[in-house]
């Protein structure tokens, strides 16, 4: 999803979603969104059950 799509789905301002995304990347020391997923998996923040639920 784009930041605008996430903001609409979450009923939040686009700027807030973008800010939170930047903070998440910084906290995970990730270079991009795909790298953030990898880092979250490495830190065991993201679980297999969550991924399976998202894919359904």
C-alpha atoms as a PDB file:
ATOM      1  CA  UNK A   1       0.000   0.000   0.000  1.00  0.00           C
ATOM      2  CA  UNK A   2       1.013   3.572  -0.512  1.00  0.00           C
ATOM      3  CA  UNK A   3       1.100   6.039   2.347  1.00  0.00           C
ATOM      4  CA  UNK A   4      -2.117   7.617   1.036  1.00  0.00           C
ATOM      5  CA  UNK A   5      -3.878   4.244   0.907  1.00  0.00           C
ATOM      6  CA  UNK A   6      -2.739   3.395   4.438  1.00  0.00           C
ATOM      7  CA  UNK A   7      -3.874   6.795   5.704  1.00  0.00           C
ATOM      8  CA  UNK A   8      -7.321   6.273   4.195  1.00  0.00           C
ATOM      9  CA  UNK A   9      -7.622   2.738   5.589  1.00  0.00           C
ATOM     10  CA  UNK A  10      -6.467   3.860   9.045  1.00  0.00           C
ATOM     11  CA  UNK A  11      -8.381   7.176   8.946  1.00  0.00           C
ATOM     12  CA  UNK A  12      -5.191   9.117   9.700  1.00  0.00           C
ATOM     13  CA  UNK A  13      -3.416  11.997   8.011  1.00  0.00           C
ATOM     14  CA  UNK A  14      -0.963  11.090   5.257  1.00  0.00           C
ATOM     15  CA  UNK A  15       1.793  13.092   6.955  1.00  0.00           C
ATOM     16  CA  UNK A  16       1.379  11.092  10.154  1.00  0.00           C
ATOM     17  CA  UNK A  17       1.555   7.787   8.266  1.00  0.00           C
ATOM     18  CA  UNK A  18       4.696   8.926   6.431  1.00  0.00           C
ATOM     19  CA  UNK A  19       6.312  10.120   9.675  1.00  0.00           C
ATOM     20  CA  UNK A  20       5.536   6.847  11.418  1.00  0.00           C
ATOM     21  CA  UNK A  21       6.946   4.928   8.447  1.00  0.00           C
ATOM     22  CA  UNK A  22      10.199   6.908   8.571  1.00  0.00           C
ATOM     23  CA  UNK A  23      10.482   6.298  12.319  1.00  0.00           C
ATOM     24  CA  UNK A  24       9.879   2.586  11.837  1.00  0.00           C
ATOM     25  CA  UNK A  25      12.588   2.379   9.170  1.00  0.00           C
ATOM     26  CA  UNK A  26      14.997   4.258  11.445  1.00  0.00           C
ATOM     27  CA  UNK A  27      14.229   2.101  14.478  1.00  0.00           C
ATOM     28  CA  UNK A  28      14.715  -1.103  12.482  1.00  0.00           C
ATOM     29  CA  UNK A  29      17.789   0.345  10.752  1.00  0.00           C
ATOM     30  CA  UNK A  30      16.179  -0.572   7.441  1.00  0.00           C
ATOM     31  CA  UNK A  31      16.873   1.036   4.065  1.00  0.00           C
ATOM     32  CA  UNK A  32      13.400   0.511   2.587  1.00  0.00           C
ATOM     33  CA  UNK A  33      10.044  -1.155   3.268  1.00  0.00           C
ATOM     34  CA  UNK A  34      11.164  -4.592   2.078  1.00  0.00           C
ATOM     35  CA  UNK A  35      14.244  -4.372   4.282  1.00  0.00           C
ATOM     36  CA  UNK A  36      12.002  -3.385   7.219  1.00  0.00           C
ATOM     37  CA  UNK A  37      10.068  -6.640   6.794  1.00  0.00           C
ATOM     38  CA  UNK A  38      13.323  -8.595   6.782  1.00  0.00           C
ATOM     39  CA  UNK A  39      14.587  -6.787   9.885  1.00  0.00           C
ATOM     40  CA  UNK A  40      11.257  -7.291  11.703  1.00  0.00           C
ATOM     41  CA  UNK A  41      11.517 -11.018  10.912  1.00  0.00           C
ATOM     42  CA  UNK A  42      15.108 -11.110  12.196  1.00  0.00           C
ATOM     43  CA  UNK A  43      14.107  -9.396  15.447  1.00  0.00           C
ATOM     44  CA  UNK A  44      11.121 -11.768  15.744  1.00  0.00           C
ATOM     45  CA  UNK A  45       8.694  -8.831  15.748  1.00  0.00           C
ATOM     46  CA  UNK A  46       6.972 -10.312  12.717  1.00  0.00           C
ATOM     47  CA  UNK A  47       5.743 -13.897  12.970  1.00  0.00           C
ATOM     48  CA  UNK A  48       4.764 -16.536  10.438  1.00  0.00           C
ATOM     49  CA  UNK A  49       1.162 -16.432  11.689  1.00  0.00           C
ATOM     50  CA  UNK A  50       0.972 -12.692  10.977  1.00  0.00           C
ATOM     51  CA  UNK A  51       2.348 -13.148   7.465  1.00  0.00           C
ATOM     52  CA  UNK A  52      -0.103 -15.948   6.705  1.00  0.00           C
ATOM     53  CA  UNK A  53      -3.014 -13.831   7.966  1.00  0.00           C
ATOM     54  CA  UNK A  54      -1.947 -10.899   5.761  1.00  0.00           C
ATOM     55  CA  UNK A  55      -1.699 -13.139   2.695  1.00  0.00           C
ATOM     56  CA  UNK A  56      -5.289 -14.358   3.047  1.00  0.00           C
END
